[in-house]
Amino acid sequence: MESQERKKWETLTDDQRNMLLAIVENLMSSYLAHDHFAETMSRLLEDVPGLEILSESKRASFVNELWREYEWRKKKLNRRNRLQSR
């Protein structure tokens, strides 16, 4: 049973990624450095039913995937803000 549960979490769906990122963005209003983001996201992943059984390497993989998305969103938001302030 545990291996089936682990297989279910081989990848995150777009909805799951968006939900996790939205939670972090709502919890932390300012831009997070990688270390703070990684710590916050790791704790969050441990609290999601099913994700608490992930191996450390899989959890780190998810955190890195989410970090890249977080960085992209922040850069996009910064560009938009700069264009609007002109």
C-alpha atoms as a PDB file:
ATOM      1  CA  MET A   1       0.000   0.000   0.000  1.00  0.00           C
ATOM      2  CA  GLU A   2       2.770   2.431   0.871  1.00  0.00           C
ATOM      3  CA  SER A   3       4.400   2.035  -2.550  1.00  0.00           C
ATOM      4  CA  GLN A   4       1.072   2.867  -4.251  1.00  0.00           C
ATOM      5  CA  GLU A   5       0.813   5.958  -2.065  1.00  0.00           C
ATOM      6  CA  ARG A   6       4.355   6.984  -3.002  1.00  0.00           C
ATOM      7  CA  LYS A   7       3.642   6.479  -6.721  1.00  0.00           C
ATOM      8  CA  LYS A   8       0.679   8.829  -6.435  1.00  0.00           C
ATOM      9  CA  TRP A   9       3.135  11.602  -5.530  1.00  0.00           C
ATOM     10  CA  GLU A  10       5.746  11.052  -8.241  1.00  0.00           C
ATOM     11  CA  THR A  11       4.851  14.437  -9.711  1.00  0.00           C
ATOM     12  CA  LEU A  12       2.796  17.430  -8.683  1.00  0.00           C
ATOM     13  CA  THR A  13      -0.098  18.558 -10.829  1.00  0.00           C
ATOM     14  CA  ASP A  14      -0.377  22.193 -11.903  1.00  0.00           C
ATOM     15  CA  ASP A  15      -3.197  22.657  -9.384  1.00  0.00           C
ATOM     16  CA  GLN A  16      -1.088  21.198  -6.561  1.00  0.00           C
ATOM     17  CA  ARG A  17       1.888  23.408  -7.458  1.00  0.00           C
ATOM     18  CA  ASN A  18      -0.317  26.489  -7.650  1.00  0.00           C
ATOM     19  CA  MET A  19      -1.955  25.675  -4.308  1.00  0.00           C
ATOM     20  CA  LEU A  20       1.386  25.145  -2.527  1.00  0.00           C
ATOM     21  CA  LEU A  21       2.874  28.317  -3.989  1.00  0.00           C
ATOM     22  CA  ALA A  22      -0.238  30.331  -3.143  1.00  0.00           C
ATOM     23  CA  ILE A  23      -0.027  29.162   0.478  1.00  0.00           C
ATOM     24  CA  VAL A  24       3.613  30.234   0.758  1.00  0.00           C
ATOM     25  CA  GLU A  25       2.968  33.526  -1.018  1.00  0.00           C
ATOM     26  CA  ASN A  26       0.041  34.274   1.311  1.00  0.00           C
ATOM     27  CA  LEU A  27       2.002  33.309   4.427  1.00  0.00           C
ATOM     28  CA  MET A  28       5.058  35.331   3.464  1.00  0.00           C
ATOM     29  CA  SER A  29       4.219  38.661   1.910  1.00  0.00           C
ATOM     30  CA  SER A  30       7.787  39.544   0.977  1.00  0.00           C
ATOM     31  CA  TYR A  31      10.200  37.844  -1.359  1.00  0.00           C
ATOM     32  CA  LEU A  32      11.862  34.805   0.220  1.00  0.00           C
ATOM     33  CA  ALA A  33      15.495  33.823  -0.219  1.00  0.00           C
ATOM     34  CA  HIS A  34      16.029  30.229  -1.329  1.00  0.00           C
ATOM     35  CA  ASP A  35      16.922  28.906   2.152  1.00  0.00           C
ATOM     36  CA  HIS A  36      13.840  30.414   3.781  1.00  0.00           C
ATOM     37  CA  PHE A  37      11.619  29.258   0.921  1.00  0.00           C
ATOM     38  CA  ALA A  38      13.047  25.719   1.076  1.00  0.00           C
ATOM     39  CA  GLU A  39      12.538  25.484   4.829  1.00  0.00           C
ATOM     40  CA  THR A  40       8.987  26.849   4.639  1.00  0.00           C
ATOM     41  CA  MET A  41       8.010  24.628   1.712  1.00  0.00           C
ATOM     42  CA  SER A  42       9.555  21.503   3.290  1.00  0.00           C
ATOM     43  CA  ARG A  43       7.517  22.042   6.446  1.00  0.00           C
ATOM     44  CA  LEU A  44       4.402  22.606   4.364  1.00  0.00           C
ATOM     45  CA  LEU A  45       4.977  19.423   2.351  1.00  0.00           C
ATOM     46  CA  GLU A  46       5.321  17.444   5.591  1.00  0.00           C
ATOM     47  CA  ASP A  47       1.861  18.669   6.644  1.00  0.00           C
ATOM     48  CA  VAL A  48       0.062  17.621   3.445  1.00  0.00           C
ATOM     49  CA  PRO A  49      -1.555  14.177   3.775  1.00  0.00           C
ATOM     50  CA  GLY A  50       0.321  11.737   1.567  1.00  0.00           C
ATOM     51  CA  LEU A  51       3.361  13.962   1.155  1.00  0.00           C
ATOM     52  CA  GLU A  52       4.677  13.253   4.640  1.00  0.00           C
ATOM     53  CA  ILE A  53       5.848   9.829   3.418  1.00  0.00           C
ATOM     54  CA  LEU A  54       8.078  11.238   0.669  1.00  0.00           C
ATOM     55  CA  SER A  55      11.764  10.463   0.769  1.00  0.00           C
ATOM     56  CA  GLU A  56      14.091  13.361   1.522  1.00  0.00           C
ATOM     57  CA  SER A  57      15.355  13.342  -2.070  1.00  0.00           C
ATOM     58  CA  LYS A  58      11.832  13.463  -3.506  1.00  0.00           C
ATOM     59  CA  ARG A  59      10.856  16.260  -1.128  1.00  0.00           C
ATOM     60  CA  ALA A  60      14.008  18.186  -2.140  1.00  0.00           C
ATOM     61  CA  SER A  61      13.118  17.635  -5.799  1.00  0.00           C
ATOM     62  CA  PHE A  62       9.635  19.075  -5.241  1.00  0.00           C
ATOM     63  CA  VAL A  63      11.074  22.035  -3.307  1.00  0.00           C
ATOM     64  CA  ASN A  64      13.493  22.795  -6.158  1.00  0.00           C
ATOM     65  CA  GLU A  65      10.711  22.506  -8.731  1.00  0.00           C
ATOM     66  CA  LEU A  66       8.537  24.852  -6.693  1.00  0.00           C
ATOM     67  CA  TRP A  67      11.456  27.260  -6.157  1.00  0.00           C
ATOM     68  CA  ARG A  68      11.929  27.631  -9.922  1.00  0.00           C
ATOM     69  CA  GLU A  69       8.222  28.417 -10.327  1.00  0.00           C
ATOM     70  CA  TYR A  70       8.314  30.841  -7.373  1.00  0.00           C
ATOM     71  CA  GLU A  71      11.330  32.666  -8.858  1.00  0.00           C
ATOM     72  CA  TRP A  72       9.654  32.891 -12.264  1.00  0.00           C
ATOM     73  CA  ARG A  73       6.474  34.320 -10.737  1.00  0.00           C
ATOM     74  CA  LYS A  74       8.382  36.894  -8.715  1.00  0.00           C
ATOM     75  CA  LYS A  75      10.416  38.012 -11.734  1.00  0.00           C
ATOM     76  CA  LYS A  76       7.258  38.295 -13.815  1.00  0.00           C
ATOM     77  CA  LEU A  77       5.581  40.345 -11.074  1.00  0.00           C
ATOM     78  CA  ASN A  78       8.630  42.615 -10.732  1.00  0.00           C
ATOM     79  CA  ARG A  79       8.693  43.269 -14.491  1.00  0.00           C
ATOM     80  CA  ARG A  80       4.992  44.058 -14.480  1.00  0.00           C
ATOM     81  CA  ASN A  81       5.402  46.437 -11.548  1.00  0.00           C
ATOM     82  CA  ARG A  82       8.317  48.233 -13.230  1.00  0.00           C
ATOM     83  CA  LEU A  83       6.326  48.679 -16.459  1.00  0.00           C
ATOM     84  CA  GLN A  84       3.332  50.041 -14.554  1.00  0.00           C
ATOM     85  CA  SER A  85       5.458  52.518 -12.613  1.00  0.00           C
ATOM     86  CA  ARG A  86       6.805  54.172 -15.786  1.00  0.00           C
END
